[in-house]
Amino acid sequence: MKSVSKLRRRIILLCVAVLFVLVAISLECFASNSKAFAAENVWEESATEKIENSSEVNPRGLYTHLSLSINGGDGRIWATVRNDFTLFPSTVIVIVELYSSDTYYESHTNMTLVSMKSIEDLNMGNSIVAEGSTGGVKKYWQGRMRYKIDNGGWKSETTGTMLYSADGTYLGLQ
């Protein structure tokens, strides 16, 4: 009886593996056909607008994990977005922004944009950094990332507002 149940488990695992491969092949076929439907609307005002409005993306990936962090030192503060992991190739459009304020605000909308960087495809293991000077003043800082994976919608995350000293030393959340 034990050998029959082992055989059933192996057959089930084999079926799951075959199903997974078929799904991956289907996604790849869909990705190659989607180029014909890419929009031709390209803005020329700035690189960020081009990235935000880009729709010429091939969906292929099944999962992507991005991390956002904020750090400081030597009179500078920087926000970093890293593509920690991507299952199957994906187009990962990322915009990283760094905001500051002399007073505490929960939302970046009330803060001053200090730096913004963008990339049309952040590959697994790579990072993009937006950085700015403290100007020798203790301030509140917030990092924000906006991202789009393949043909998915735009999403955003923030680090929350953090207090840094004039030399870039982390002082706390408020």
N, C-alpha and C. Protein backbone atom coordinates (compact mmCIF):
# COMPACT_ATOMS: atom_id res chain seq x y z
N MET A 1 0.81 -1.19 0.00
CA MET A 1 0.00 0.00 0.00
C MET A 1 0.86 1.27 0.00
N LYS A 2 1.99 1.23 0.71
CA LYS A 2 2.84 2.43 0.78
C LYS A 2 3.41 2.77 -0.59
N SER A 3 3.77 1.75 -1.37
CA SER A 3 4.34 2.01 -2.68
C SER A 3 3.30 2.61 -3.63
N VAL A 4 2.02 2.24 -3.47
CA VAL A 4 0.96 2.81 -4.29
C VAL A 4 0.77 4.29 -3.96
N SER A 5 0.79 4.66 -2.68
CA SER A 5 0.63 6.08 -2.32
C SER A 5 1.84 6.90 -2.76
N LYS A 6 3.04 6.31 -2.72
CA LYS A 6 4.23 7.03 -3.22
C LYS A 6 4.10 7.26 -4.72
N LEU A 7 3.59 6.27 -5.42
CA LEU A 7 3.41 6.39 -6.86
C LEU A 7 2.38 7.47 -7.18
N ARG A 8 1.30 7.52 -6.42
CA ARG A 8 0.29 8.57 -6.62
C ARG A 8 0.88 9.94 -6.38
N ARG A 9 1.66 10.10 -5.33
CA ARG A 9 2.30 11.40 -5.06
C ARG A 9 3.20 11.82 -6.19
N ARG A 10 3.98 10.88 -6.71
CA ARG A 10 4.89 11.20 -7.81
C ARG A 10 4.12 11.60 -9.07
N ILE A 11 3.01 10.90 -9.33
CA ILE A 11 2.20 11.24 -10.50
C ILE A 11 1.59 12.62 -10.32
N ILE A 12 1.11 12.92 -9.14
CA ILE A 12 0.53 14.25 -8.87
C ILE A 12 1.59 15.33 -9.03
N LEU A 13 2.78 15.11 -8.48
CA LEU A 13 3.87 16.09 -8.63
C LEU A 13 4.25 16.28 -10.08
N LEU A 14 4.30 15.18 -10.85
CA LEU A 14 4.63 15.28 -12.26
C LEU A 14 3.56 16.08 -13.00
N CYS A 15 2.28 15.85 -12.68
CA CYS A 15 1.20 16.60 -13.32
C CYS A 15 1.28 18.09 -12.99
N VAL A 16 1.58 18.41 -11.76
CA VAL A 16 1.73 19.80 -11.35
C VAL A 16 2.89 20.45 -12.10
N ALA A 17 4.01 19.75 -12.23
CA ALA A 17 5.17 20.28 -12.94
C ALA A 17 4.84 20.53 -14.41
N VAL A 18 4.16 19.57 -15.04
CA VAL A 18 3.77 19.73 -16.45
C VAL A 18 2.82 20.91 -16.60
N LEU A 19 1.87 21.05 -15.70
CA LEU A 19 0.94 22.18 -15.73
C LEU A 19 1.68 23.51 -15.60
N PHE A 20 2.64 23.56 -14.69
CA PHE A 20 3.44 24.77 -14.49
C PHE A 20 4.19 25.14 -15.77
N VAL A 21 4.79 24.17 -16.44
CA VAL A 21 5.52 24.42 -17.69
C VAL A 21 4.56 24.91 -18.77
N LEU A 22 3.38 24.30 -18.87
CA LEU A 22 2.40 24.74 -19.87
C LEU A 22 1.95 26.18 -19.63
N VAL A 23 1.75 26.55 -18.37
CA VAL A 23 1.37 27.93 -18.05
C VAL A 23 2.50 28.88 -18.45
N ALA A 24 3.73 28.52 -18.15
CA ALA A 24 4.88 29.36 -18.51
C ALA A 24 4.98 29.53 -20.02
N ILE A 25 4.78 28.46 -20.77
CA ILE A 25 4.84 28.54 -22.24
C ILE A 25 3.70 29.42 -22.76
N SER A 26 2.52 29.28 -22.17
CA SER A 26 1.38 30.10 -22.60
C SER A 26 1.65 31.58 -22.36
N LEU A 27 2.23 31.89 -21.21
CA LEU A 27 2.56 33.29 -20.91
C LEU A 27 3.58 33.83 -21.89
N GLU A 28 4.57 33.03 -22.25
CA GLU A 28 5.59 33.47 -23.20
C GLU A 28 4.97 33.73 -24.57
N CYS A 29 4.06 32.86 -25.00
CA CYS A 29 3.36 33.06 -26.29
C CYS A 29 2.53 34.34 -26.25
N PHE A 30 1.82 34.56 -25.16
CA PHE A 30 1.02 35.77 -25.00
C PHE A 30 1.90 37.00 -25.04
N ALA A 31 3.08 36.93 -24.41
CA ALA A 31 3.99 38.07 -24.38
C ALA A 31 4.48 38.43 -25.77
N SER A 32 4.82 37.42 -26.57
CA SER A 32 5.33 37.71 -27.91
C SER A 32 4.23 38.28 -28.81
N ASN A 33 2.98 37.91 -28.58
CA ASN A 33 1.88 38.44 -29.39
C ASN A 33 1.43 39.82 -28.93
N SER A 34 1.74 40.21 -27.70
CA SER A 34 1.24 41.48 -27.19
C SER A 34 1.97 42.68 -27.76
N LYS A 35 3.13 42.48 -28.39
CA LYS A 35 3.86 43.61 -28.97
C LYS A 35 3.02 44.33 -30.02
N ALA A 36 2.18 43.61 -30.73
CA ALA A 36 1.37 44.20 -31.77
C ALA A 36 0.36 45.19 -31.22
N PHE A 37 0.01 45.05 -29.94
CA PHE A 37 -0.99 45.92 -29.34
C PHE A 37 -0.38 47.06 -28.52
N ALA A 38 0.92 47.24 -28.56
CA ALA A 38 1.57 48.29 -27.76
C ALA A 38 1.15 49.66 -28.26
N ALA A 39 0.88 50.55 -27.32
CA ALA A 39 0.45 51.90 -27.68
C ALA A 39 1.61 52.71 -28.21
N GLU A 40 1.30 53.67 -29.06
CA GLU A 40 2.32 54.52 -29.64
C GLU A 40 2.34 55.89 -29.00
N ASN A 41 1.63 56.07 -27.90
CA ASN A 41 1.56 57.36 -27.22
C ASN A 41 2.80 57.56 -26.36
N VAL A 42 3.77 58.33 -26.83
CA VAL A 42 4.99 58.58 -26.10
C VAL A 42 5.12 60.09 -25.87
N TRP A 43 5.27 60.45 -24.61
CA TRP A 43 5.41 61.85 -24.24
C TRP A 43 6.87 62.26 -24.42
N GLU A 44 7.11 63.51 -24.79
CA GLU A 44 8.47 63.97 -24.99
C GLU A 44 8.90 64.99 -23.96
N GLU A 45 8.05 65.31 -22.96
CA GLU A 45 8.41 66.34 -21.98
C GLU A 45 9.56 65.91 -21.07
N SER A 46 9.54 64.69 -20.56
CA SER A 46 10.62 64.24 -19.67
C SER A 46 10.70 62.73 -19.68
N ALA A 47 11.83 62.22 -19.20
CA ALA A 47 12.04 60.77 -19.15
C ALA A 47 11.03 60.11 -18.22
N THR A 48 10.70 60.76 -17.12
CA THR A 48 9.74 60.19 -16.17
C THR A 48 8.37 60.06 -16.80
N GLU A 49 7.93 61.08 -17.54
CA GLU A 49 6.63 60.99 -18.20
C GLU A 49 6.63 59.86 -19.22
N LYS A 50 7.75 59.66 -19.91
CA LYS A 50 7.82 58.56 -20.87
C LYS A 50 7.65 57.23 -20.15
N ILE A 51 8.31 57.09 -19.03
CA ILE A 51 8.21 55.84 -18.28
C ILE A 51 6.81 55.65 -17.73
N GLU A 52 6.23 56.68 -17.15
CA GLU A 52 4.89 56.57 -16.58
C GLU A 52 3.85 56.22 -17.62
N ASN A 53 4.03 56.69 -18.84
CA ASN A 53 3.03 56.48 -19.88
C ASN A 53 3.39 55.35 -20.83
N SER A 54 4.46 54.65 -20.56
CA SER A 54 4.90 53.56 -21.41
C SER A 54 3.94 52.39 -21.32
N SER A 55 3.54 51.86 -22.45
CA SER A 55 2.69 50.68 -22.45
C SER A 55 3.29 49.58 -23.32
N GLU A 56 4.51 49.79 -23.82
CA GLU A 56 5.17 48.80 -24.65
C GLU A 56 5.94 47.84 -23.75
N VAL A 57 5.19 46.97 -23.09
CA VAL A 57 5.75 46.06 -22.11
C VAL A 57 5.28 44.65 -22.44
N ASN A 58 6.18 43.69 -22.28
CA ASN A 58 5.83 42.29 -22.53
C ASN A 58 5.63 41.56 -21.22
N PRO A 59 4.40 41.14 -20.90
CA PRO A 59 4.18 40.42 -19.65
C PRO A 59 4.71 39.00 -19.73
N ARG A 60 5.60 38.66 -18.81
CA ARG A 60 6.14 37.32 -18.80
C ARG A 60 6.32 36.79 -17.40
N GLY A 61 6.60 37.66 -16.46
CA GLY A 61 6.95 37.21 -15.12
C GLY A 61 5.74 36.78 -14.32
N LEU A 62 5.98 35.87 -13.40
CA LEU A 62 4.91 35.41 -12.52
C LEU A 62 4.93 36.11 -11.17
N TYR A 63 6.13 36.54 -10.72
CA TYR A 63 6.25 37.15 -9.41
C TYR A 63 7.48 38.04 -9.36
N THR A 64 7.34 39.21 -8.77
CA THR A 64 8.47 40.12 -8.56
C THR A 64 8.38 40.70 -7.16
N HIS A 65 9.51 40.75 -6.46
CA HIS A 65 9.55 41.36 -5.12
C HIS A 65 10.54 42.52 -5.16
N LEU A 66 10.02 43.73 -4.89
CA LEU A 66 10.85 44.93 -4.81
C LEU A 66 10.93 45.36 -3.35
N SER A 67 12.09 45.91 -2.96
CA SER A 67 12.21 46.45 -1.61
C SER A 67 12.61 47.93 -1.70
N LEU A 68 12.07 48.71 -0.77
CA LEU A 68 12.34 50.14 -0.69
C LEU A 68 12.97 50.42 0.66
N SER A 69 14.06 51.16 0.65
CA SER A 69 14.71 51.52 1.92
C SER A 69 15.19 52.97 1.85
N ILE A 70 15.42 53.54 3.03
CA ILE A 70 15.97 54.89 3.12
C ILE A 70 17.12 54.84 4.12
N ASN A 71 18.22 55.50 3.78
CA ASN A 71 19.42 55.50 4.62
C ASN A 71 20.10 56.86 4.51
N GLY A 72 21.07 57.08 5.38
CA GLY A 72 21.80 58.34 5.34
C GLY A 72 23.21 58.20 5.89
N GLY A 73 24.00 59.24 5.64
CA GLY A 73 25.37 59.32 6.12
C GLY A 73 26.14 60.37 5.37
N ASP A 74 27.17 60.91 6.00
CA ASP A 74 28.04 61.91 5.37
C ASP A 74 27.26 63.08 4.78
N GLY A 75 26.20 63.52 5.48
CA GLY A 75 25.44 64.68 5.03
C GLY A 75 24.52 64.41 3.87
N ARG A 76 24.26 63.14 3.58
CA ARG A 76 23.41 62.77 2.46
C ARG A 76 22.35 61.78 2.92
N ILE A 77 21.21 61.77 2.23
CA ILE A 77 20.13 60.81 2.47
C ILE A 77 19.82 60.18 1.11
N TRP A 78 19.52 58.89 1.10
CA TRP A 78 19.19 58.23 -0.15
C TRP A 78 18.09 57.20 0.03
N ALA A 79 17.24 57.11 -0.99
CA ALA A 79 16.18 56.10 -1.05
C ALA A 79 16.59 55.11 -2.14
N THR A 80 16.47 53.83 -1.82
CA THR A 80 16.90 52.77 -2.72
C THR A 80 15.77 51.80 -3.00
N VAL A 81 15.58 51.47 -4.27
CA VAL A 81 14.66 50.40 -4.65
C VAL A 81 15.52 49.29 -5.25
N ARG A 82 15.30 48.08 -4.75
CA ARG A 82 16.05 46.92 -5.23
C ARG A 82 15.07 45.86 -5.71
N ASN A 83 15.37 45.28 -6.86
CA ASN A 83 14.60 44.13 -7.36
C ASN A 83 15.23 42.90 -6.72
N ASP A 84 14.62 42.43 -5.64
CA ASP A 84 15.17 41.30 -4.89
C ASP A 84 14.98 39.98 -5.61
N PHE A 85 13.84 39.81 -6.28
CA PHE A 85 13.56 38.52 -6.91
C PHE A 85 12.50 38.70 -7.99
N THR A 86 12.72 38.04 -9.12
CA THR A 86 11.74 37.99 -10.19
C THR A 86 11.68 36.56 -10.71
N LEU A 87 10.48 35.98 -10.73
CA LEU A 87 10.28 34.63 -11.27
C LEU A 87 9.88 34.77 -12.72
N PHE A 88 10.73 34.34 -13.60
CA PHE A 88 10.65 34.49 -15.05
C PHE A 88 10.86 35.96 -15.40
N PRO A 89 11.40 36.23 -16.57
CA PRO A 89 11.72 37.61 -16.95
C PRO A 89 10.48 38.50 -16.94
N SER A 90 10.66 39.71 -16.43
CA SER A 90 9.60 40.72 -16.38
C SER A 90 10.19 42.06 -16.76
N THR A 91 9.33 42.95 -17.21
CA THR A 91 9.71 44.34 -17.38
C THR A 91 9.22 45.08 -16.14
N VAL A 92 10.17 45.61 -15.36
CA VAL A 92 9.86 46.25 -14.08
C VAL A 92 10.25 47.72 -14.18
N ILE A 93 9.25 48.57 -14.42
CA ILE A 93 9.47 50.00 -14.52
C ILE A 93 9.42 50.58 -13.10
N VAL A 94 10.44 51.36 -12.73
CA VAL A 94 10.53 51.88 -11.37
C VAL A 94 10.86 53.36 -11.39
N ILE A 95 10.18 54.10 -10.52
CA ILE A 95 10.51 55.50 -10.25
C ILE A 95 10.73 55.59 -8.74
N VAL A 96 11.90 56.07 -8.33
CA VAL A 96 12.19 56.25 -6.90
C VAL A 96 12.30 57.75 -6.62
N GLU A 97 11.64 58.18 -5.54
CA GLU A 97 11.60 59.61 -5.20
C GLU A 97 12.05 59.78 -3.76
N LEU A 98 12.69 60.93 -3.49
CA LEU A 98 13.14 61.27 -2.14
C LEU A 98 12.57 62.64 -1.79
N TYR A 99 11.87 62.70 -0.65
CA TYR A 99 11.22 63.93 -0.19
C TYR A 99 11.81 64.35 1.15
N SER A 100 11.77 65.67 1.43
CA SER A 100 12.22 66.17 2.74
C SER A 100 11.32 67.31 3.19
N SER A 101 11.40 67.58 4.52
CA SER A 101 10.62 68.66 5.11
C SER A 101 11.25 69.04 6.44
N ASP A 102 11.16 70.32 6.80
CA ASP A 102 11.65 70.77 8.11
C ASP A 102 10.72 70.34 9.23
N THR A 103 9.44 70.11 8.91
CA THR A 103 8.47 69.67 9.91
C THR A 103 7.92 68.31 9.52
N TYR A 104 7.39 67.59 10.49
CA TYR A 104 6.88 66.25 10.25
C TYR A 104 5.57 66.27 9.46
N TYR A 105 5.51 65.47 8.42
CA TYR A 105 4.29 65.22 7.66
C TYR A 105 4.21 63.71 7.42
N GLU A 106 3.03 63.19 7.54
CA GLU A 106 2.86 61.76 7.30
C GLU A 106 2.93 61.44 5.80
N SER A 107 2.42 62.35 4.98
CA SER A 107 2.36 62.13 3.54
C SER A 107 3.44 62.91 2.80
N HIS A 108 3.98 62.31 1.76
CA HIS A 108 4.97 62.97 0.93
C HIS A 108 4.38 64.16 0.17
N THR A 109 3.05 64.22 0.03
CA THR A 109 2.42 65.29 -0.75
C THR A 109 2.64 66.66 -0.12
N ASN A 110 2.93 66.70 1.17
CA ASN A 110 3.20 67.97 1.85
C ASN A 110 4.69 68.28 1.96
N MET A 111 5.52 67.40 1.41
CA MET A 111 6.97 67.55 1.52
C MET A 111 7.54 68.02 0.19
N THR A 112 8.82 68.38 0.20
CA THR A 112 9.52 68.86 -1.00
C THR A 112 10.23 67.71 -1.69
N LEU A 113 10.01 67.57 -2.99
CA LEU A 113 10.71 66.56 -3.77
C LEU A 113 12.16 66.98 -3.93
N VAL A 114 13.08 66.17 -3.43
CA VAL A 114 14.51 66.48 -3.47
C VAL A 114 15.18 65.82 -4.67
N SER A 115 14.80 64.59 -4.95
CA SER A 115 15.45 63.83 -6.02
C SER A 115 14.49 62.78 -6.56
N MET A 116 14.62 62.51 -7.87
CA MET A 116 13.82 61.47 -8.50
C MET A 116 14.65 60.80 -9.58
N LYS A 117 14.64 59.47 -9.59
CA LYS A 117 15.33 58.68 -10.62
C LYS A 117 14.34 57.66 -11.16
N SER A 118 14.53 57.27 -12.41
CA SER A 118 13.65 56.28 -13.01
C SER A 118 14.44 55.33 -13.90
N ILE A 119 13.86 54.15 -14.10
CA ILE A 119 14.49 53.16 -14.97
C ILE A 119 13.37 52.39 -15.67
N GLU A 120 13.58 52.06 -16.93
CA GLU A 120 12.55 51.39 -17.71
C GLU A 120 12.50 49.89 -17.45
N ASP A 121 13.55 49.32 -16.88
CA ASP A 121 13.51 47.89 -16.54
C ASP A 121 14.57 47.62 -15.48
N LEU A 122 14.12 47.44 -14.24
CA LEU A 122 15.01 47.14 -13.12
C LEU A 122 15.14 45.62 -13.01
N ASN A 123 16.27 45.11 -13.43
CA ASN A 123 16.49 43.66 -13.44
C ASN A 123 16.76 43.13 -12.04
N MET A 124 16.50 41.83 -11.88
CA MET A 124 16.70 41.18 -10.59
C MET A 124 18.14 41.37 -10.11
N GLY A 125 18.27 41.73 -8.82
CA GLY A 125 19.58 41.96 -8.22
C GLY A 125 20.09 43.37 -8.36
N ASN A 126 19.45 44.19 -9.17
CA ASN A 126 19.88 45.57 -9.38
C ASN A 126 19.08 46.53 -8.53
N SER A 127 19.63 47.75 -8.36
CA SER A 127 19.01 48.78 -7.54
C SER A 127 19.02 50.10 -8.29
N ILE A 128 18.14 51.00 -7.85
CA ILE A 128 18.12 52.38 -8.34
C ILE A 128 18.02 53.27 -7.11
N VAL A 129 18.77 54.38 -7.12
CA VAL A 129 18.91 55.23 -5.93
C VAL A 129 18.62 56.69 -6.28
N ALA A 130 17.81 57.33 -5.43
CA ALA A 130 17.61 58.79 -5.49
C ALA A 130 18.23 59.35 -4.23
N GLU A 131 19.09 60.35 -4.35
CA GLU A 131 19.78 60.88 -3.16
C GLU A 131 19.81 62.39 -3.15
N GLY A 132 19.97 62.92 -1.94
CA GLY A 132 20.04 64.36 -1.77
C GLY A 132 20.85 64.73 -0.55
N SER A 133 21.22 66.00 -0.47
CA SER A 133 22.02 66.53 0.63
C SER A 133 21.10 66.99 1.76
N THR A 134 21.57 66.82 2.98
CA THR A 134 20.82 67.34 4.13
C THR A 134 20.92 68.85 4.20
N GLY A 135 21.89 69.43 3.52
CA GLY A 135 22.11 70.87 3.57
C GLY A 135 22.57 71.32 4.95
N GLY A 136 23.07 70.37 5.74
CA GLY A 136 23.54 70.69 7.08
C GLY A 136 22.42 70.97 8.07
N VAL A 137 21.20 70.47 7.76
CA VAL A 137 20.03 70.74 8.60
C VAL A 137 19.35 69.42 8.97
N LYS A 138 18.91 69.32 10.22
CA LYS A 138 18.10 68.19 10.65
C LYS A 138 16.75 68.29 9.97
N LYS A 139 16.32 67.20 9.30
CA LYS A 139 15.07 67.21 8.53
C LYS A 139 14.36 65.87 8.62
N TYR A 140 13.10 65.91 8.19
CA TYR A 140 12.30 64.70 8.01
C TYR A 140 12.41 64.28 6.55
N TRP A 141 12.53 62.99 6.34
CA TRP A 141 12.72 62.45 5.00
C TRP A 141 11.76 61.30 4.74
N GLN A 142 11.39 61.14 3.47
CA GLN A 142 10.55 60.02 3.08
C GLN A 142 10.96 59.55 1.69
N GLY A 143 11.08 58.23 1.54
CA GLY A 143 11.34 57.63 0.24
C GLY A 143 10.04 57.07 -0.32
N ARG A 144 9.91 57.13 -1.63
CA ARG A 144 8.71 56.61 -2.29
C ARG A 144 9.11 55.91 -3.57
N MET A 145 8.47 54.78 -3.83
CA MET A 145 8.67 54.12 -5.12
C MET A 145 7.33 53.98 -5.82
N ARG A 146 7.35 54.21 -7.11
CA ARG A 146 6.23 53.90 -7.98
C ARG A 146 6.73 52.87 -8.96
N TYR A 147 5.94 51.85 -9.20
CA TYR A 147 6.42 50.79 -10.08
C TYR A 147 5.28 50.15 -10.86
N LYS A 148 5.67 49.57 -11.97
CA LYS A 148 4.74 48.88 -12.85
C LYS A 148 5.44 47.63 -13.34
N ILE A 149 4.80 46.48 -13.14
CA ILE A 149 5.39 45.22 -13.54
C ILE A 149 4.62 44.70 -14.75
N ASP A 150 5.34 44.52 -15.85
CA ASP A 150 4.76 44.10 -17.11
C ASP A 150 3.59 45.02 -17.47
N ASN A 151 2.43 44.48 -17.80
CA ASN A 151 1.28 45.31 -18.18
C ASN A 151 0.35 45.58 -17.02
N GLY A 152 0.80 45.34 -15.79
CA GLY A 152 -0.01 45.61 -14.61
C GLY A 152 -0.17 47.11 -14.39
N GLY A 153 -0.98 47.47 -13.42
CA GLY A 153 -1.19 48.87 -13.11
C GLY A 153 -0.06 49.43 -12.26
N TRP A 154 -0.01 50.75 -12.18
CA TRP A 154 0.98 51.42 -11.35
C TRP A 154 0.65 51.21 -9.87
N LYS A 155 1.68 50.96 -9.08
CA LYS A 155 1.55 50.81 -7.63
C LYS A 155 2.59 51.71 -6.97
N SER A 156 2.38 52.02 -5.69
CA SER A 156 3.38 52.83 -4.98
C SER A 156 3.49 52.38 -3.53
N GLU A 157 4.65 52.64 -2.96
CA GLU A 157 4.93 52.37 -1.55
C GLU A 157 5.83 53.48 -1.04
N THR A 158 5.75 53.73 0.27
CA THR A 158 6.63 54.72 0.89
C THR A 158 7.34 54.09 2.08
N THR A 159 8.40 54.75 2.51
CA THR A 159 9.15 54.30 3.67
C THR A 159 8.52 54.79 4.97
N GLY A 160 7.61 55.74 4.88
CA GLY A 160 7.16 56.44 6.08
C GLY A 160 8.13 57.60 6.31
N THR A 161 7.76 58.51 7.16
CA THR A 161 8.57 59.70 7.41
C THR A 161 9.56 59.42 8.52
N MET A 162 10.84 59.73 8.26
CA MET A 162 11.92 59.45 9.20
C MET A 162 12.73 60.72 9.44
N LEU A 163 13.20 60.87 10.67
CA LEU A 163 14.00 62.03 11.05
C LEU A 163 15.49 61.69 10.96
N TYR A 164 16.25 62.55 10.26
CA TYR A 164 17.69 62.39 10.12
C TYR A 164 18.39 63.67 10.57
N SER A 165 19.56 63.51 11.17
CA SER A 165 20.35 64.66 11.64
C SER A 165 21.00 65.36 10.44
N ALA A 166 21.66 66.48 10.74
CA ALA A 166 22.33 67.26 9.69
C ALA A 166 23.43 66.46 9.00
N ASP A 167 24.05 65.50 9.72
CA ASP A 167 25.10 64.70 9.10
C ASP A 167 24.57 63.41 8.47
N GLY A 168 23.25 63.20 8.51
CA GLY A 168 22.65 62.03 7.88
C GLY A 168 22.46 60.84 8.79
N THR A 169 22.55 61.05 10.10
CA THR A 169 22.33 59.97 11.06
C THR A 169 20.85 59.82 11.35
N TYR A 170 20.38 58.59 11.34
CA TYR A 170 18.96 58.29 11.61
C TYR A 170 18.65 58.61 13.07
N LEU A 171 17.59 59.40 13.30
CA LEU A 171 17.21 59.80 14.65
C LEU A 171 15.89 59.18 15.11
N GLY A 172 15.11 58.62 14.21
CA GLY A 172 13.86 57.98 14.60
C GLY A 172 12.75 58.21 13.61
N LEU A 173 11.60 57.68 13.95
CA LEU A 173 10.43 57.80 13.06
C LEU A 173 9.81 59.18 13.14
N GLN A 174 9.94 59.88 14.28
CA GLN A 174 9.39 61.24 14.38
C GLN A 174 10.38 62.12 15.01
